[in-house]
N, C-alpha and C. Protein backbone atom coordinates (compact mmCIF):
# COMPACT_ATOMS: atom_id res chain seq x y z
N MET A 1 0.83 -1.18 0.00
CA MET A 1 0.00 0.00 0.00
C MET A 1 0.87 1.25 0.00
N LEU A 2 1.95 1.21 0.76
CA LEU A 2 2.85 2.36 0.79
C LEU A 2 3.55 2.55 -0.55
N VAL A 3 3.87 1.46 -1.22
CA VAL A 3 4.50 1.55 -2.54
C VAL A 3 3.53 2.19 -3.53
N VAL A 4 2.27 1.76 -3.51
CA VAL A 4 1.26 2.32 -4.39
C VAL A 4 1.06 3.80 -4.08
N LEU A 5 1.03 4.14 -2.80
CA LEU A 5 0.89 5.54 -2.40
C LEU A 5 2.08 6.37 -2.86
N GLY A 6 3.27 5.81 -2.77
CA GLY A 6 4.47 6.51 -3.24
C GLY A 6 4.45 6.71 -4.75
N ILE A 7 4.03 5.68 -5.47
CA ILE A 7 3.95 5.79 -6.94
C ILE A 7 2.91 6.82 -7.34
N ALA A 8 1.75 6.80 -6.66
CA ALA A 8 0.69 7.77 -6.97
C ALA A 8 1.14 9.19 -6.69
N SER A 9 1.81 9.39 -5.56
CA SER A 9 2.29 10.74 -5.25
C SER A 9 3.38 11.17 -6.23
N GLY A 10 4.23 10.24 -6.66
CA GLY A 10 5.24 10.56 -7.66
C GLY A 10 4.61 10.93 -9.00
N ALA A 11 3.55 10.21 -9.36
CA ALA A 11 2.86 10.52 -10.62
C ALA A 11 2.21 11.89 -10.55
N LEU A 12 1.59 12.20 -9.40
CA LEU A 12 0.98 13.52 -9.24
C LEU A 12 2.02 14.63 -9.29
N ALA A 13 3.17 14.40 -8.66
CA ALA A 13 4.22 15.42 -8.68
C ALA A 13 4.83 15.51 -10.07
N GLY A 14 4.94 14.40 -10.78
CA GLY A 14 5.51 14.41 -12.13
C GLY A 14 4.64 15.12 -13.14
N THR A 15 3.34 15.03 -12.97
CA THR A 15 2.43 15.70 -13.90
C THR A 15 2.10 17.12 -13.45
N LYS A 16 2.76 17.60 -12.42
CA LYS A 16 2.57 18.95 -11.88
C LYS A 16 1.15 19.18 -11.35
N MET A 17 0.48 18.10 -10.95
CA MET A 17 -0.84 18.23 -10.32
C MET A 17 -0.71 18.44 -8.82
N ALA A 18 0.47 18.20 -8.28
CA ALA A 18 0.75 18.41 -6.86
C ALA A 18 2.19 18.89 -6.74
N ALA A 19 2.51 19.46 -5.60
CA ALA A 19 3.86 19.97 -5.36
C ALA A 19 4.83 18.80 -5.18
N TRP A 20 6.11 19.07 -5.31
CA TRP A 20 7.13 18.02 -5.21
C TRP A 20 7.18 17.40 -3.82
N TRP A 21 6.87 18.21 -2.78
CA TRP A 21 6.98 17.72 -1.41
C TRP A 21 5.87 16.72 -1.05
N VAL A 22 4.91 16.48 -1.94
CA VAL A 22 3.88 15.47 -1.71
C VAL A 22 4.49 14.07 -1.69
N ILE A 23 5.63 13.90 -2.32
CA ILE A 23 6.31 12.60 -2.38
C ILE A 23 6.96 12.25 -1.03
N VAL A 24 7.30 13.24 -0.22
CA VAL A 24 8.08 13.03 1.00
C VAL A 24 7.35 12.14 2.04
N PRO A 25 6.11 12.43 2.44
CA PRO A 25 5.50 11.58 3.49
C PRO A 25 5.39 10.10 3.13
N PRO A 26 4.90 9.73 1.92
CA PRO A 26 4.85 8.29 1.64
C PRO A 26 6.25 7.65 1.57
N SER A 27 7.23 8.42 1.10
CA SER A 27 8.59 7.89 1.02
C SER A 27 9.16 7.64 2.41
N VAL A 28 8.94 8.59 3.32
CA VAL A 28 9.43 8.43 4.69
C VAL A 28 8.73 7.26 5.38
N MET A 29 7.42 7.14 5.17
CA MET A 29 6.68 6.03 5.78
C MET A 29 7.16 4.68 5.22
N LEU A 30 7.41 4.60 3.92
CA LEU A 30 7.90 3.37 3.32
C LEU A 30 9.29 3.02 3.84
N LEU A 31 10.16 3.99 3.95
CA LEU A 31 11.50 3.76 4.47
C LEU A 31 11.44 3.29 5.92
N GLY A 32 10.59 3.93 6.74
CA GLY A 32 10.44 3.51 8.14
C GLY A 32 9.91 2.09 8.25
N TYR A 33 8.95 1.75 7.40
CA TYR A 33 8.39 0.40 7.42
C TYR A 33 9.43 -0.63 7.02
N LEU A 34 10.24 -0.32 6.01
CA LEU A 34 11.30 -1.25 5.60
C LEU A 34 12.34 -1.44 6.69
N LEU A 35 12.67 -0.36 7.42
CA LEU A 35 13.61 -0.49 8.53
C LEU A 35 13.01 -1.34 9.66
N LEU A 36 11.71 -1.18 9.90
CA LEU A 36 11.04 -1.99 10.91
C LEU A 36 11.04 -3.47 10.52
N LEU A 37 10.77 -3.76 9.25
CA LEU A 37 10.81 -5.15 8.78
C LEU A 37 12.21 -5.74 8.89
N ARG A 38 13.21 -4.94 8.62
CA ARG A 38 14.60 -5.43 8.73
C ARG A 38 14.93 -5.79 10.18
N ALA A 39 14.52 -4.94 11.11
CA ALA A 39 14.77 -5.22 12.53
C ALA A 39 14.01 -6.47 12.97
N ALA A 40 12.78 -6.65 12.49
CA ALA A 40 12.00 -7.83 12.85
C ALA A 40 12.64 -9.10 12.28
N ALA A 41 13.17 -9.01 11.06
CA ALA A 41 13.83 -10.17 10.46
C ALA A 41 15.08 -10.55 11.25
N LYS A 42 15.84 -9.55 11.71
CA LYS A 42 17.02 -9.85 12.52
C LYS A 42 16.62 -10.49 13.85
N ALA A 43 15.57 -9.98 14.47
CA ALA A 43 15.11 -10.56 15.74
C ALA A 43 14.64 -12.00 15.54
N ASP A 44 13.94 -12.27 14.45
CA ASP A 44 13.50 -13.64 14.16
C ASP A 44 14.69 -14.57 13.94
N ALA A 45 15.70 -14.09 13.23
CA ALA A 45 16.89 -14.91 12.99
C ALA A 45 17.60 -15.22 14.32
N GLU A 46 17.71 -14.22 15.19
CA GLU A 46 18.34 -14.44 16.49
C GLU A 46 17.53 -15.43 17.32
N HIS A 47 16.21 -15.31 17.27
CA HIS A 47 15.34 -16.22 18.01
C HIS A 47 15.51 -17.66 17.52
N ARG A 48 15.56 -17.85 16.19
CA ARG A 48 15.76 -19.19 15.64
C ARG A 48 17.12 -19.75 16.04
N GLU A 49 18.14 -18.91 16.01
CA GLU A 49 19.48 -19.36 16.38
C GLU A 49 19.53 -19.76 17.86
N MET A 50 18.90 -18.97 18.72
CA MET A 50 18.88 -19.31 20.15
C MET A 50 18.11 -20.60 20.39
N ALA A 51 17.01 -20.80 19.68
CA ALA A 51 16.23 -22.03 19.83
C ALA A 51 17.04 -23.23 19.36
N ARG A 52 17.76 -23.08 18.24
CA ARG A 52 18.59 -24.16 17.74
C ARG A 52 19.70 -24.49 18.74
N HIS A 53 20.31 -23.46 19.32
CA HIS A 53 21.37 -23.67 20.30
C HIS A 53 20.80 -24.35 21.56
N ARG A 54 19.62 -23.91 22.01
CA ARG A 54 19.00 -24.48 23.20
C ARG A 54 18.65 -25.95 22.97
N THR A 55 18.15 -26.28 21.78
CA THR A 55 17.80 -27.66 21.45
C THR A 55 19.05 -28.53 21.42
N ALA A 56 20.12 -28.02 20.83
CA ALA A 56 21.37 -28.78 20.78
C ALA A 56 21.93 -29.01 22.18
N ARG A 57 21.86 -27.99 23.02
CA ARG A 57 22.38 -28.11 24.37
C ARG A 57 21.56 -29.12 25.17
N THR A 58 20.24 -29.13 25.00
CA THR A 58 19.38 -30.08 25.69
C THR A 58 19.66 -31.50 25.22
N ALA A 59 19.84 -31.66 23.90
CA ALA A 59 20.14 -32.99 23.37
C ALA A 59 21.49 -33.48 23.87
N ARG A 60 22.47 -32.57 23.94
CA ARG A 60 23.80 -32.93 24.44
C ARG A 60 23.72 -33.35 25.91
N ALA A 61 22.93 -32.61 26.71
CA ALA A 61 22.79 -32.94 28.13
C ALA A 61 22.08 -34.29 28.30
N ALA A 62 21.07 -34.54 27.46
CA ALA A 62 20.36 -35.82 27.53
C ALA A 62 21.28 -36.97 27.15
N ALA A 63 22.13 -36.76 26.15
CA ALA A 63 23.06 -37.80 25.75
C ALA A 63 24.08 -38.07 26.85
N GLU A 64 24.55 -37.01 27.50
CA GLU A 64 25.50 -37.18 28.61
C GLU A 64 24.83 -37.93 29.76
N ALA A 65 23.57 -37.58 30.07
CA ALA A 65 22.86 -38.26 31.15
C ALA A 65 22.62 -39.72 30.80
N GLY A 66 22.33 -40.00 29.53
CA GLY A 66 22.13 -41.38 29.09
C GLY A 66 23.40 -42.20 29.22
N ARG A 67 24.54 -41.58 28.84
CA ARG A 67 25.81 -42.30 28.97
C ARG A 67 26.15 -42.54 30.43
N ALA A 68 25.86 -41.58 31.30
CA ALA A 68 26.14 -41.74 32.73
C ALA A 68 25.26 -42.83 33.32
N GLU A 69 23.99 -42.89 32.91
CA GLU A 69 23.07 -43.90 33.42
C GLU A 69 23.47 -45.29 32.94
N VAL A 70 24.01 -45.41 31.73
CA VAL A 70 24.44 -46.71 31.23
C VAL A 70 25.65 -47.19 32.01
N ARG A 71 26.56 -46.27 32.38
CA ARG A 71 27.76 -46.65 33.12
C ARG A 71 27.44 -47.08 34.55
N ARG A 72 26.51 -46.40 35.21
CA ARG A 72 26.21 -46.71 36.61
C ARG A 72 25.71 -48.13 36.83
N PRO A 73 24.67 -48.60 36.12
CA PRO A 73 24.21 -49.98 36.37
C PRO A 73 25.29 -51.01 36.04
N ALA A 74 26.10 -50.76 35.04
CA ALA A 74 27.14 -51.73 34.69
C ALA A 74 28.16 -51.81 35.81
N THR A 75 28.55 -50.68 36.39
CA THR A 75 29.55 -50.73 37.47
C THR A 75 28.95 -51.30 38.74
N ALA A 76 27.67 -51.05 39.02
CA ALA A 76 27.03 -51.61 40.21
C ALA A 76 26.90 -53.12 40.08
N ALA A 77 26.58 -53.60 38.89
CA ALA A 77 26.45 -55.04 38.67
C ALA A 77 27.81 -55.71 38.76
N ALA A 78 28.83 -55.05 38.27
CA ALA A 78 30.18 -55.63 38.33
C ALA A 78 30.66 -55.70 39.77
N ALA A 79 30.32 -54.71 40.59
CA ALA A 79 30.75 -54.70 41.98
C ALA A 79 30.04 -55.80 42.78
N SER A 80 28.77 -56.10 42.45
CA SER A 80 28.05 -57.14 43.19
C SER A 80 28.32 -58.53 42.65
N GLY A 81 28.90 -58.61 41.45
CA GLY A 81 29.22 -59.90 40.88
C GLY A 81 28.09 -60.48 40.05
N ALA A 82 26.95 -59.83 39.98
CA ALA A 82 25.81 -60.34 39.22
C ALA A 82 25.79 -59.67 37.85
N PRO A 83 25.42 -60.41 36.80
CA PRO A 83 25.35 -59.78 35.48
C PRO A 83 24.14 -58.85 35.40
N ALA A 84 24.33 -57.70 34.75
CA ALA A 84 23.24 -56.72 34.62
C ALA A 84 22.30 -57.15 33.52
N ALA A 85 20.99 -56.96 33.75
CA ALA A 85 20.01 -57.23 32.71
C ALA A 85 20.16 -56.17 31.62
N SER A 86 19.83 -56.53 30.40
CA SER A 86 20.16 -55.67 29.28
C SER A 86 19.40 -54.35 29.28
N GLY A 87 18.09 -54.32 29.53
CA GLY A 87 17.35 -53.07 29.36
C GLY A 87 16.68 -52.57 30.62
N ALA A 88 16.37 -53.43 31.57
CA ALA A 88 15.55 -53.03 32.70
C ALA A 88 16.20 -51.98 33.59
N PRO A 89 17.47 -52.15 34.06
CA PRO A 89 18.04 -51.13 34.95
C PRO A 89 18.21 -49.79 34.25
N VAL A 90 18.56 -49.83 32.98
CA VAL A 90 18.79 -48.58 32.28
C VAL A 90 17.49 -47.81 32.14
N ALA A 91 16.42 -48.49 31.80
CA ALA A 91 15.13 -47.82 31.61
C ALA A 91 14.62 -47.26 32.93
N SER A 92 14.75 -48.04 34.02
CA SER A 92 14.23 -47.54 35.30
C SER A 92 15.10 -46.40 35.81
N ALA A 93 16.40 -46.47 35.61
CA ALA A 93 17.27 -45.40 36.07
C ALA A 93 17.05 -44.15 35.24
N ALA A 94 16.85 -44.31 33.94
CA ALA A 94 16.64 -43.13 33.09
C ALA A 94 15.32 -42.45 33.41
N SER A 95 14.30 -43.26 33.71
CA SER A 95 13.01 -42.64 34.02
C SER A 95 13.05 -41.98 35.39
N GLY A 96 13.81 -42.50 36.32
CA GLY A 96 13.90 -41.91 37.65
C GLY A 96 14.82 -40.71 37.69
N ALA A 97 15.74 -40.59 36.75
CA ALA A 97 16.70 -39.49 36.77
C ALA A 97 16.04 -38.16 36.46
N HIS A 98 15.00 -38.17 35.65
CA HIS A 98 14.38 -36.91 35.24
C HIS A 98 13.09 -36.63 36.00
N ALA A 99 12.75 -37.48 36.99
CA ALA A 99 11.52 -37.26 37.74
C ALA A 99 11.74 -36.12 38.73
N THR A 100 10.78 -35.22 38.83
CA THR A 100 10.88 -34.11 39.75
C THR A 100 10.21 -34.49 41.05
N PRO A 101 10.78 -34.05 42.17
CA PRO A 101 10.16 -34.40 43.45
C PRO A 101 8.82 -33.69 43.57
N VAL A 102 7.85 -34.42 44.12
CA VAL A 102 6.50 -33.88 44.27
C VAL A 102 6.25 -33.66 45.75
N ALA A 103 5.82 -32.45 46.09
CA ALA A 103 5.52 -32.13 47.48
C ALA A 103 4.24 -32.85 47.89
N PRO A 104 4.14 -33.26 49.14
CA PRO A 104 2.92 -33.93 49.58
C PRO A 104 1.74 -32.97 49.48
N ALA A 105 0.60 -33.53 49.10
CA ALA A 105 -0.59 -32.70 48.92
C ALA A 105 -1.10 -32.26 50.28
N SER A 106 -1.36 -30.97 50.42
CA SER A 106 -1.89 -30.46 51.68
C SER A 106 -3.40 -30.63 51.68
N GLU A 107 -3.94 -30.66 52.87
CA GLU A 107 -5.38 -30.85 53.00
C GLU A 107 -6.08 -29.54 52.64
N ALA A 108 -7.11 -29.64 51.85
CA ALA A 108 -7.85 -28.46 51.40
C ALA A 108 -8.75 -27.97 52.52
N ARG A 109 -8.84 -26.65 52.65
CA ARG A 109 -9.73 -26.05 53.64
C ARG A 109 -10.84 -25.33 52.90
N ILE A 110 -12.03 -25.41 53.44
CA ILE A 110 -13.16 -24.70 52.87
C ILE A 110 -13.31 -23.38 53.62
N ILE A 111 -13.28 -22.31 52.88
CA ILE A 111 -13.39 -20.99 53.47
C ILE A 111 -14.76 -20.44 53.15
N THR A 112 -15.49 -20.05 54.18
CA THR A 112 -16.81 -19.47 53.95
C THR A 112 -16.72 -17.97 54.13
N ILE A 113 -17.37 -17.26 53.26
CA ILE A 113 -17.39 -15.81 53.32
C ILE A 113 -18.76 -15.40 53.84
N PRO A 114 -18.80 -14.66 54.95
CA PRO A 114 -20.11 -14.28 55.49
C PRO A 114 -20.82 -13.32 54.56
N ALA A 115 -22.13 -13.38 54.58
CA ALA A 115 -22.93 -12.48 53.74
C ALA A 115 -22.79 -11.05 54.25
N ALA A 116 -22.92 -10.11 53.35
CA ALA A 116 -22.82 -8.69 53.72
C ALA A 116 -24.04 -8.32 54.55
N PRO A 117 -23.82 -7.51 55.57
CA PRO A 117 -24.97 -7.12 56.40
C PRO A 117 -25.93 -6.25 55.61
N GLU A 118 -27.20 -6.34 55.93
CA GLU A 118 -28.22 -5.55 55.25
C GLU A 118 -28.08 -4.09 55.68
N PRO A 119 -28.16 -3.17 54.73
CA PRO A 119 -28.05 -1.76 55.12
C PRO A 119 -29.30 -1.33 55.90
N ALA A 120 -29.10 -0.38 56.79
CA ALA A 120 -30.21 0.13 57.59
C ALA A 120 -31.23 0.81 56.68
N GLU A 121 -32.50 0.62 56.98
CA GLU A 121 -33.55 1.23 56.18
C GLU A 121 -33.49 2.74 56.35
N GLU A 122 -33.35 3.41 55.25
CA GLU A 122 -33.18 4.86 55.28
C GLU A 122 -34.33 5.49 54.51
N GLU A 123 -34.89 6.53 55.11
CA GLU A 123 -35.98 7.22 54.44
C GLU A 123 -35.39 8.21 53.46
N ILE A 124 -35.80 8.08 52.20
CA ILE A 124 -35.28 8.94 51.15
C ILE A 124 -36.11 10.22 51.12
N TYR A 125 -35.41 11.35 51.14
CA TYR A 125 -36.09 12.64 51.12
C TYR A 125 -36.47 12.98 49.68
N ASP A 126 -37.71 13.29 49.48
CA ASP A 126 -38.19 13.70 48.18
C ASP A 126 -38.51 15.19 48.25
N GLN A 127 -37.75 16.00 47.54
CA GLN A 127 -37.91 17.44 47.64
C GLN A 127 -39.20 17.94 47.01
N PHE A 128 -39.82 17.13 46.17
CA PHE A 128 -41.04 17.57 45.51
C PHE A 128 -42.30 17.04 46.20
N ALA A 129 -42.15 16.20 47.20
CA ALA A 129 -43.32 15.59 47.82
C ALA A 129 -44.16 16.61 48.56
N ASP A 130 -43.53 17.54 49.26
CA ASP A 130 -44.31 18.50 50.04
C ASP A 130 -44.59 19.78 49.26
N ALA A 131 -44.34 19.79 47.95
CA ALA A 131 -44.61 20.98 47.15
C ALA A 131 -46.11 21.26 47.07
N LYS A 132 -46.94 20.25 47.14
CA LYS A 132 -48.38 20.44 47.06
C LYS A 132 -48.92 21.05 48.35
N LEU A 133 -48.22 20.86 49.44
CA LEU A 133 -48.68 21.39 50.73
C LEU A 133 -48.41 22.88 50.88
N ARG A 134 -47.46 23.37 50.14
CA ARG A 134 -47.12 24.77 50.26
C ARG A 134 -48.03 25.64 49.40
N ALA A 135 -48.19 26.82 49.84
CA ALA A 135 -48.99 27.79 49.08
C ALA A 135 -48.11 28.44 48.03
N VAL A 136 -48.75 29.03 47.07
CA VAL A 136 -48.01 29.72 46.03
C VAL A 136 -47.30 30.91 46.64
N GLY A 137 -46.02 31.04 46.32
CA GLY A 137 -45.23 32.16 46.81
C GLY A 137 -44.50 31.88 48.11
N ASP A 138 -44.72 30.72 48.70
CA ASP A 138 -44.00 30.41 49.95
C ASP A 138 -42.54 30.20 49.65
């Protein structure tokens, strides 16, 4: 839309139907919009790069944890003299390594909110009610 507006203002200025400075506002708006798009593209690229780095770091940490878990059951089995089962200790150790501790559930309490007290009955003054009782000119 800004490009069309710039072209239209350029055509008007070129045919002398408008002054030359009519071209300036659409040109400035188009330039500002292009600079904004450039900044947004850079931010998106940085965001993608950080996400890629975070994913790689997580995968690397998971691989390190997997290698550590594979070594532990093998060394424990070797120390006890019993052969380690092929998949069971590794799977149970890997599932327990990433489990987060859960706090014990507290007992829920029911809180009752008392009803608001009724406002005192108040007589509303009507300034026009006693107008009929007064005489004209009072």
